[in-house]
Amino acid sequence: MKLSKLAGVASIASICLSAALNAPAAYAEAKEQFFPALPYRTGPYAPNGVPWANGFVDYLKLTNARGGINGVKVVWEECETAYATDRGVECYERLKGKHGGATVFQPLSTGITFALTEKAPVDKIPLITAGYGRSESANGAVFEWNFPMIGTYWSGADVLIQHIAKREGGFDKLKGKKITLVYHDSPYGKEPIQLLQERAKMHGFELSLLPVASPGVEQKATWLQIRQHKPDYVRPA
C-alpha cells in the first residue's frame, strides 16, 4: 500500500550515503561517521520493516568491508520505533548526539517525519524521506532540512489522476466522474487527500474519502460502502 515501500533497499541506502561522499573536509579527518537507524522490526507493520532494516545494516557492513566512505568507517545504532511516533521522537533524541553527531535520519514513518521536521532545522540534521513523509517538503526553500527522495504522496496521487484522465480521453472528461480514495487512517494515508481535493475542484469530479482503521486488515465495511457509491475509479492508499 505504501509508496515508500516501492523503493529498493540498496537505492535508499545509497541515497543515505551519497551526502557523505560530498561531505566537508572535516569528515575526511574523522575516524568514523554515524548513521542512526529508526527501524520498526516489531508492531503491525513489521513485515515491511524487518527486510528494510536488515538490508540497511547489510549495506553499511558492505560499505565498511569496502573501505568505508573515503576511508572513513561508518558506525550505526538501531533504536526500535515499532512505527510509533512517540517512540520515534524518543529514538531521535537518544541517538542524535552519539558518536560525534548523527549524519542523517530516515524516519521511515510519516508521523515521525512530521514530529522531526520541527527539530531538524534546530539540530541541523537532514531528514531523508524516500517516497513518504510530508509532501509539501518538496519545497526546499521552506523545508531546508527535509529531502523527499523518489517523490511524495502528492506526486503519486497526481500521477494517478493523470492516468485516469488519459484513459478517459482528457481532463475535461473527468467532470461528473466519481473517484474514491480508500486510505489508511494515519498521517501517511491522509497525505494524498489535499492534492485530490484540489484536483476535484479543478476538473469537476466527485471525490469520496473512505478511511480504513489501522492496521488496515479489516476492510469489509469499506468495500460495502464502495459498492453503494459505485465510483468510476477506486484508489487504495
C-alpha atoms as a PDB file:
ATOM      1  CA  MET A   1       0.000   0.000   0.000  1.00  0.00           C
ATOM      2  CA  LYS A   2       2.741   2.476   0.790  1.00  0.00           C
ATOM      3  CA  LEU A   3       4.597   4.223  -1.960  1.00  0.00           C
ATOM      4  CA  SER A   4       7.615   4.277   0.310  1.00  0.00           C
ATOM      5  CA  LYS A   5       7.893   0.513   0.175  1.00  0.00           C
ATOM      6  CA  LEU A   6       8.412   0.590  -3.594  1.00  0.00           C
ATOM      7  CA  ALA A   7      11.965   1.852  -3.138  1.00  0.00           C
ATOM      8  CA  GLY A   8      14.699  -0.760  -3.081  1.00  0.00           C
ATOM      9  CA  VAL A   9      16.867  -1.201  -0.022  1.00  0.00           C
ATOM     10  CA  ALA A  10      20.084  -0.609  -1.914  1.00  0.00           C
ATOM     11  CA  SER A  11      18.722   2.539  -3.552  1.00  0.00           C
ATOM     12  CA  ILE A  12      17.654   4.053  -0.237  1.00  0.00           C
ATOM     13  CA  ALA A  13      20.921   3.186   1.427  1.00  0.00           C
ATOM     14  CA  SER A  14      22.845   4.649  -1.498  1.00  0.00           C
ATOM     15  CA  ILE A  15      20.911   7.909  -1.199  1.00  0.00           C
ATOM     16  CA  CYS A  16      21.570   7.956   2.510  1.00  0.00           C
ATOM     17  CA  LEU A  17      25.314   7.643   1.994  1.00  0.00           C
ATOM     18  CA  SER A  18      25.639   9.884  -1.054  1.00  0.00           C
ATOM     19  CA  ALA A  19      25.633  13.071   1.015  1.00  0.00           C
ATOM     20  CA  ALA A  20      28.558  11.735   2.994  1.00  0.00           C
ATOM     21  CA  LEU A  21      30.630  11.306  -0.155  1.00  0.00           C
ATOM     22  CA  ASN A  22      30.496  15.065  -0.680  1.00  0.00           C
ATOM     23  CA  ALA A  23      30.868  15.977   2.975  1.00  0.00           C
ATOM     24  CA  PRO A  24      33.168  18.777   4.164  1.00  0.00           C
ATOM     25  CA  ALA A  25      36.878  18.061   4.532  1.00  0.00           C
ATOM     26  CA  ALA A  26      36.425  17.749   8.275  1.00  0.00           C
ATOM     27  CA  TYR A  27      34.734  14.400   7.719  1.00  0.00           C
ATOM     28  CA  ALA A  28      37.802  13.087   5.931  1.00  0.00           C
ATOM     29  CA  GLU A  29      39.706  13.535   9.196  1.00  0.00           C
ATOM     30  CA  ALA A  30      37.055  11.787  11.260  1.00  0.00           C
ATOM     31  CA  LYS A  31      37.622   8.255  12.458  1.00  0.00           C
ATOM     32  CA  GLU A  32      34.009   7.290  11.948  1.00  0.00           C
ATOM     33  CA  GLN A  33      30.695   8.618  10.695  1.00  0.00           C
ATOM     34  CA  PHE A  34      27.437   7.825  12.469  1.00  0.00           C
ATOM     35  CA  PHE A  35      24.263   6.632  10.724  1.00  0.00           C
ATOM     36  CA  PRO A  36      21.415   6.115  13.217  1.00  0.00           C
ATOM     37  CA  ALA A  37      18.611   3.747  12.271  1.00  0.00           C
ATOM     38  CA  LEU A  38      14.964   4.001  13.312  1.00  0.00           C
ATOM     39  CA  PRO A  39      13.582   0.622  12.218  1.00  0.00           C
ATOM     40  CA  TYR A  40      10.264  -0.972  13.039  1.00  0.00           C
ATOM     41  CA  ARG A  41      11.084  -4.629  13.426  1.00  0.00           C
ATOM     42  CA  THR A  42       8.082  -5.038  15.718  1.00  0.00           C
ATOM     43  CA  GLY A  43       4.456  -3.916  15.607  1.00  0.00           C
ATOM     44  CA  PRO A  44       1.756  -4.327  12.954  1.00  0.00           C
ATOM     45  CA  TYR A  45       3.985  -3.200  10.081  1.00  0.00           C
ATOM     46  CA  ALA A  46       6.980  -5.382  10.935  1.00  0.00           C
ATOM     47  CA  PRO A  47       6.640  -7.421   7.689  1.00  0.00           C
ATOM     48  CA  ASN A  48       7.696  -4.247   5.831  1.00  0.00           C
ATOM     49  CA  GLY A  49      10.121  -3.011   8.467  1.00  0.00           C
ATOM     50  CA  VAL A  50      12.249  -6.104   9.029  1.00  0.00           C
ATOM     51  CA  PRO A  51      13.545  -6.532   5.434  1.00  0.00           C
ATOM     52  CA  TRP A  52      14.346  -2.821   5.195  1.00  0.00           C
ATOM     53  CA  ALA A  53      16.229  -2.801   8.498  1.00  0.00           C
ATOM     54  CA  ASN A  54      18.200  -5.928   7.603  1.00  0.00           C
ATOM     55  CA  GLY A  55      19.076  -4.574   4.175  1.00  0.00           C
ATOM     56  CA  PHE A  56      20.165  -1.200   5.540  1.00  0.00           C
ATOM     57  CA  VAL A  57      22.503  -2.753   8.093  1.00  0.00           C
ATOM     58  CA  ASP A  58      23.912  -5.152   5.483  1.00  0.00           C
ATOM     59  CA  TYR A  59      24.653  -2.200   3.210  1.00  0.00           C
ATOM     60  CA  LEU A  60      26.523  -0.382   5.972  1.00  0.00           C
ATOM     61  CA  LYS A  61      28.537  -3.522   6.690  1.00  0.00           C
ATOM     62  CA  LEU A  62      29.357  -3.801   2.991  1.00  0.00           C
ATOM     63  CA  THR A  63      30.445  -0.159   2.947  1.00  0.00           C
ATOM     64  CA  ASN A  64      32.921  -0.821   5.742  1.00  0.00           C
ATOM     65  CA  ALA A  65      34.123  -4.021   4.107  1.00  0.00           C
ATOM     66  CA  ARG A  66      34.990  -1.960   1.024  1.00  0.00           C
ATOM     67  CA  GLY A  67      36.948   0.617   2.995  1.00  0.00           C
ATOM     68  CA  GLY A  68      34.245   2.914   4.318  1.00  0.00           C
ATOM     69  CA  ILE A  69      33.394   6.330   2.854  1.00  0.00           C
ATOM     70  CA  ASN A  70      36.578   7.923   1.579  1.00  0.00           C
ATOM     71  CA  GLY A  71      38.393   5.786   4.101  1.00  0.00           C
ATOM     72  CA  VAL A  72      36.105   6.735   6.994  1.00  0.00           C
ATOM     73  CA  LYS A  73      34.394   3.814   8.677  1.00  0.00           C
ATOM     74  CA  VAL A  74      30.659   4.071   9.320  1.00  0.00           C
ATOM     75  CA  VAL A  75      29.027   3.173  12.614  1.00  0.00           C
ATOM     76  CA  TRP A  76      25.359   2.717  13.300  1.00  0.00           C
ATOM     77  CA  GLU A  77      22.930   2.063  16.087  1.00  0.00           C
ATOM     78  CA  GLU A  78      19.324   0.937  15.913  1.00  0.00           C
ATOM     79  CA  CYS A  79      16.500   2.250  18.047  1.00  0.00           C
ATOM     80  CA  GLU A  80      13.221   0.369  17.626  1.00  0.00           C
ATOM     81  CA  THR A  81      10.192   2.577  16.963  1.00  0.00           C
ATOM     82  CA  ALA A  82       7.521  -0.061  16.213  1.00  0.00           C
ATOM     83  CA  TYR A  83       6.275   2.643  13.789  1.00  0.00           C
ATOM     84  CA  ALA A  84       5.031   4.718  16.746  1.00  0.00           C
ATOM     85  CA  THR A  85       5.549   8.489  16.569  1.00  0.00           C
ATOM     86  CA  ASP A  86       6.326   8.982  20.259  1.00  0.00           C
ATOM     87  CA  ARG A  87       8.923   6.225  20.218  1.00  0.00           C
ATOM     88  CA  GLY A  88      10.425   7.652  17.041  1.00  0.00           C
ATOM     89  CA  VAL A  89      10.934  11.030  18.699  1.00  0.00           C
ATOM     90  CA  GLU A  90      12.488   9.356  21.750  1.00  0.00           C
ATOM     91  CA  CYS A  91      14.878   7.439  19.494  1.00  0.00           C
ATOM     92  CA  TYR A  92      15.828  10.615  17.633  1.00  0.00           C
ATOM     93  CA  GLU A  93      16.667  12.419  20.853  1.00  0.00           C
ATOM     94  CA  ARG A  94      18.614   9.425  22.141  1.00  0.00           C
ATOM     95  CA  LEU A  95      20.729   8.968  19.010  1.00  0.00           C
ATOM     96  CA  LYS A  96      21.229  12.427  17.532  1.00  0.00           C
ATOM     97  CA  GLY A  97      24.297  13.294  19.613  1.00  0.00           C
ATOM     98  CA  LYS A  98      26.023   9.915  19.695  1.00  0.00           C
ATOM     99  CA  HIS A  99      29.368   9.175  18.018  1.00  0.00           C
ATOM    100  CA  GLY A 100      30.036  12.827  17.341  1.00  0.00           C
ATOM    101  CA  GLY A 101      26.558  13.505  15.969  1.00  0.00           C
ATOM    102  CA  ALA A 102      24.139  11.899  13.538  1.00  0.00           C
ATOM    103  CA  THR A 103      24.817  12.277   9.809  1.00  0.00           C
ATOM    104  CA  VAL A 104      21.185  11.899   8.719  1.00  0.00           C
ATOM    105  CA  PHE A 105      17.916  10.401   9.915  1.00  0.00           C
ATOM    106  CA  GLN A 106      15.439   8.325   7.939  1.00  0.00           C
ATOM    107  CA  PRO A 107      12.206   8.406  10.000  1.00  0.00           C
ATOM    108  CA  LEU A 108      10.540   5.598   7.983  1.00  0.00           C
ATOM    109  CA  SER A 109       7.157   6.972   9.089  1.00  0.00           C
ATOM    110  CA  THR A 110       5.129   9.998   8.054  1.00  0.00           C
ATOM    111  CA  GLY A 111       4.035  10.567  11.660  1.00  0.00           C
ATOM    112  CA  ILE A 112       7.634  10.583  12.872  1.00  0.00           C
ATOM    113  CA  THR A 113       8.617  12.789   9.942  1.00  0.00           C
ATOM    114  CA  PHE A 114       6.057  15.431  10.951  1.00  0.00           C
ATOM    115  CA  ALA A 115       7.380  15.375  14.509  1.00  0.00           C
ATOM    116  CA  LEU A 116      11.036  15.638  13.467  1.00  0.00           C
ATOM    117  CA  THR A 117      10.507  18.341  10.839  1.00  0.00           C
ATOM    118  CA  GLU A 118      10.404  20.951  13.603  1.00  0.00           C
ATOM    119  CA  LYS A 119      13.549  19.558  15.215  1.00  0.00           C
ATOM    120  CA  ALA A 120      15.772  19.089  12.173  1.00  0.00           C
ATOM    121  CA  PRO A 121      16.398  22.817  11.459  1.00  0.00           C
ATOM    122  CA  VAL A 122      17.343  23.411  15.102  1.00  0.00           C
ATOM    123  CA  ASP A 123      19.689  20.424  15.279  1.00  0.00           C
ATOM    124  CA  LYS A 124      20.860  20.881  11.670  1.00  0.00           C
ATOM    125  CA  ILE A 125      20.402  17.189  10.874  1.00  0.00           C
ATOM    126  CA  PRO A 126      18.950  16.252   7.459  1.00  0.00           C
ATOM    127  CA  LEU A 127      15.863  14.066   7.153  1.00  0.00           C
ATOM    128  CA  ILE A 128      15.601  11.710   4.188  1.00  0.00           C
ATOM    129  CA  THR A 129      12.074  10.597   3.334  1.00  0.00           C
ATOM    130  CA  ALA A 130      12.291   8.238   0.368  1.00  0.00           C
ATOM    131  CA  GLY A 131       8.779   8.322  -1.077  1.00  0.00           C
ATOM    132  CA  TYR A 132       6.911   9.112   2.140  1.00  0.00           C
ATOM    133  CA  GLY A 133       6.677  11.914   4.730  1.00  0.00           C
ATOM    134  CA  ARG A 134       5.496  15.491   4.284  1.00  0.00           C
ATOM    135  CA  SER A 135       4.574  16.040   0.659  1.00  0.00           C
ATOM    136  CA  GLU A 136       4.927  19.818   0.900  1.00  0.00           C
ATOM    137  CA  SER A 137       8.551  19.365   1.957  1.00  0.00           C
ATOM    138  CA  ALA A 138       9.318  19.170  -1.759  1.00  0.00           C
ATOM    139  CA  ASN A 139       9.564  22.968  -1.434  1.00  0.00           C
ATOM    140  CA  GLY A 140      13.196  23.116  -0.318  1.00  0.00           C
ATOM    141  CA  ALA A 141      13.024  26.874   0.161  1.00  0.00           C
ATOM    142  CA  VAL A 142      10.752  26.276   3.147  1.00  0.00           C
ATOM    143  CA  PHE A 143      11.807  22.808   4.313  1.00  0.00           C
ATOM    144  CA  GLU A 144      15.568  23.141   4.005  1.00  0.00           C
ATOM    145  CA  TRP A 145      16.384  20.042   6.060  1.00  0.00           C
ATOM    146  CA  ASN A 146      13.838  17.631   4.505  1.00  0.00           C
ATOM    147  CA  PHE A 147      14.877  15.655   1.438  1.00  0.00           C
ATOM    148  CA  PRO A 148      11.852  13.820  -0.078  1.00  0.00           C
ATOM    149  CA  MET A 149      13.716  11.483  -2.418  1.00  0.00           C
ATOM    150  CA  ILE A 150      11.876   9.389  -5.044  1.00  0.00           C
ATOM    151  CA  GLY A 151       8.735  11.556  -4.937  1.00  0.00           C
ATOM    152  CA  THR A 152       5.922  12.233  -2.489  1.00  0.00           C
ATOM    153  CA  TYR A 153       2.331  11.151  -1.864  1.00  0.00           C
ATOM    154  CA  TRP A 154       1.140  14.240  -3.726  1.00  0.00           C
ATOM    155  CA  SER A 155       3.157  13.391  -6.822  1.00  0.00           C
ATOM    156  CA  GLY A 156       1.956   9.780  -6.621  1.00  0.00           C
ATOM    157  CA  ALA A 157      -1.688  10.828  -6.373  1.00  0.00           C
ATOM    158  CA  ASP A 158      -1.245  13.306  -9.212  1.00  0.00           C
ATOM    159  CA  VAL A 159       0.201  10.598 -11.449  1.00  0.00           C
ATOM    160  CA  LEU A 160      -2.911   8.502 -10.811  1.00  0.00           C
ATOM    161  CA  ILE A 161      -5.259  11.359 -11.739  1.00  0.00           C
ATOM    162  CA  GLN A 162      -3.270  11.976 -14.909  1.00  0.00           C
ATOM    163  CA  HIS A 163      -3.506   8.269 -15.732  1.00  0.00           C
ATOM    164  CA  ILE A 164      -7.281   8.272 -15.238  1.00  0.00           C
ATOM    165  CA  ALA A 165      -7.609  11.403 -17.375  1.00  0.00           C
ATOM    166  CA  LYS A 166      -5.575   9.772 -20.138  1.00  0.00           C
ATOM    167  CA  ARG A 167      -7.812   6.693 -20.081  1.00  0.00           C
ATOM    168  CA  GLU A 168     -10.924   8.869 -20.249  1.00  0.00           C
ATOM    169  CA  GLY A 169      -9.610  10.947 -23.127  1.00  0.00           C
ATOM    170  CA  GLY A 170      -8.607  14.153 -21.325  1.00  0.00           C
ATOM    171  CA  PHE A 171      -9.028  16.063 -18.088  1.00  0.00           C
ATOM    172  CA  ASP A 172     -12.302  17.538 -19.311  1.00  0.00           C
ATOM    173  CA  LYS A 173     -13.759  14.022 -19.328  1.00  0.00           C
ATOM    174  CA  LEU A 174     -13.286  13.759 -15.540  1.00  0.00           C
ATOM    175  CA  LYS A 175     -16.199  16.120 -14.899  1.00  0.00           C
ATOM    176  CA  GLY A 176     -19.019  14.260 -13.163  1.00  0.00           C
ATOM    177  CA  LYS A 177     -16.924  11.134 -12.568  1.00  0.00           C
ATOM    178  CA  LYS A 178     -16.822   9.500  -9.124  1.00  0.00           C
ATOM    179  CA  ILE A 179     -13.377   8.764  -7.708  1.00  0.00           C
ATOM    180  CA  THR A 180     -12.928   7.132  -4.309  1.00  0.00           C
ATOM    181  CA  LEU A 181      -9.800   7.194  -2.167  1.00  0.00           C
ATOM    182  CA  VAL A 182      -9.564   4.271   0.253  1.00  0.00           C
ATOM    183  CA  TYR A 183      -6.914   5.459   2.698  1.00  0.00           C
ATOM    184  CA  HIS A 184      -5.144   4.216   5.790  1.00  0.00           C
ATOM    185  CA  ASP A 185      -6.405   6.345   8.687  1.00  0.00           C
ATOM    186  CA  SER A 186      -2.948   7.587   9.649  1.00  0.00           C
ATOM    187  CA  PRO A 187      -0.672  10.516   8.701  1.00  0.00           C
ATOM    188  CA  TYR A 188       0.694   8.763   5.620  1.00  0.00           C
ATOM    189  CA  GLY A 189      -2.732   7.603   4.471  1.00  0.00           C
ATOM    190  CA  LYS A 190      -4.150  11.127   4.708  1.00  0.00           C
ATOM    191  CA  GLU A 191      -1.344  12.746   2.709  1.00  0.00           C
ATOM    192  CA  PRO A 192      -2.938  12.382  -0.777  1.00  0.00           C
ATOM    193  CA  ILE A 193      -6.260  13.930   0.327  1.00  0.00           C
ATOM    194  CA  GLN A 194      -5.347  17.600  -0.097  1.00  0.00           C
ATOM    195  CA  LEU A 195      -3.977  17.062  -3.603  1.00  0.00           C
ATOM    196  CA  LEU A 196      -7.021  15.061  -4.694  1.00  0.00           C
ATOM    197  CA  GLN A 197      -9.401  17.687  -3.269  1.00  0.00           C
ATOM    198  CA  GLU A 198      -7.675  20.370  -5.333  1.00  0.00           C
ATOM    199  CA  ARG A 199      -7.805  18.198  -8.425  1.00  0.00           C
ATOM    200  CA  ALA A 200     -11.528  17.573  -7.831  1.00  0.00           C
ATOM    201  CA  LYS A 201     -12.125  21.349  -7.806  1.00  0.00           C
ATOM    202  CA  MET A 202     -10.078  21.815 -10.967  1.00  0.00           C
ATOM    203  CA  HIS A 203     -11.688  19.058 -13.018  1.00  0.00           C
ATOM    204  CA  GLY A 204     -15.156  18.693 -11.525  1.00  0.00           C
ATOM    205  CA  PHE A 205     -15.060  15.072 -10.387  1.00  0.00           C
ATOM    206  CA  GLU A 206     -16.717  13.832  -7.208  1.00  0.00           C
ATOM    207  CA  LEU A 207     -14.219  12.663  -4.601  1.00  0.00           C
ATOM    208  CA  SER A 208     -15.208  10.213  -1.866  1.00  0.00           C
ATOM    209  CA  LEU A 209     -12.896   9.537   1.096  1.00  0.00           C
ATOM    210  CA  LEU A 210     -13.130   6.204   2.901  1.00  0.00           C
ATOM    211  CA  PRO A 211     -10.726   5.647   5.830  1.00  0.00           C
ATOM    212  CA  VAL A 212      -9.531   2.221   6.927  1.00  0.00           C
ATOM    213  CA  ALA A 213      -8.563   1.889  10.586  1.00  0.00           C
ATOM    214  CA  SER A 214      -5.043   0.777  11.478  1.00  0.00           C
ATOM    215  CA  PRO A 215      -3.520  -1.690  10.831  1.00  0.00           C
ATOM    216  CA  GLY A 216      -5.774  -1.905   7.762  1.00  0.00           C
ATOM    217  CA  VAL A 217      -6.547  -5.610   7.788  1.00  0.00           C
ATOM    218  CA  GLU A 218     -10.311  -5.294   8.244  1.00  0.00           C
ATOM    219  CA  GLN A 219     -11.778  -3.605   5.153  1.00  0.00           C
ATOM    220  CA  LYS A 220     -15.094  -5.402   4.626  1.00  0.00           C
ATOM    221  CA  ALA A 221     -17.277  -2.454   5.665  1.00  0.00           C
ATOM    222  CA  THR A 222     -15.269  -0.112   3.444  1.00  0.00           C
ATOM    223  CA  TRP A 223     -15.805  -2.173   0.308  1.00  0.00           C
ATOM    224  CA  LEU A 224     -19.506  -2.462   1.062  1.00  0.00           C
ATOM    225  CA  GLN A 225     -19.598   1.357   1.008  1.00  0.00           C
ATOM    226  CA  ILE A 226     -17.805   1.343  -2.326  1.00  0.00           C
ATOM    227  CA  ARG A 227     -20.477  -0.915  -3.801  1.00  0.00           C
ATOM    228  CA  GLN A 228     -23.126   1.541  -2.645  1.00  0.00           C
ATOM    229  CA  HIS A 229     -21.297   4.594  -4.036  1.00  0.00           C
ATOM    230  CA  LYS A 230     -20.489   2.856  -7.321  1.00  0.00           C
ATOM    231  CA  PRO A 231     -17.442   5.015  -8.139  1.00  0.00           C
ATOM    232  CA  ASP A 232     -15.875   5.053 -11.571  1.00  0.00           C
ATOM    233  CA  TYR A 233     -12.416   4.644 -10.034  1.00  0.00           C
ATOM    234  CA  VAL A 234     -11.125   3.457  -6.673  1.00  0.00           C
ATOM    235  CA  ARG A 235      -7.666   4.373  -5.430  1.00  0.00           C
ATOM    236  CA  PRO A 236      -6.293   2.404  -2.434  1.00  0.00           C
ATOM    237  CA  ALA A 237      -3.680   4.328  -0.437  1.00  0.00           C
END
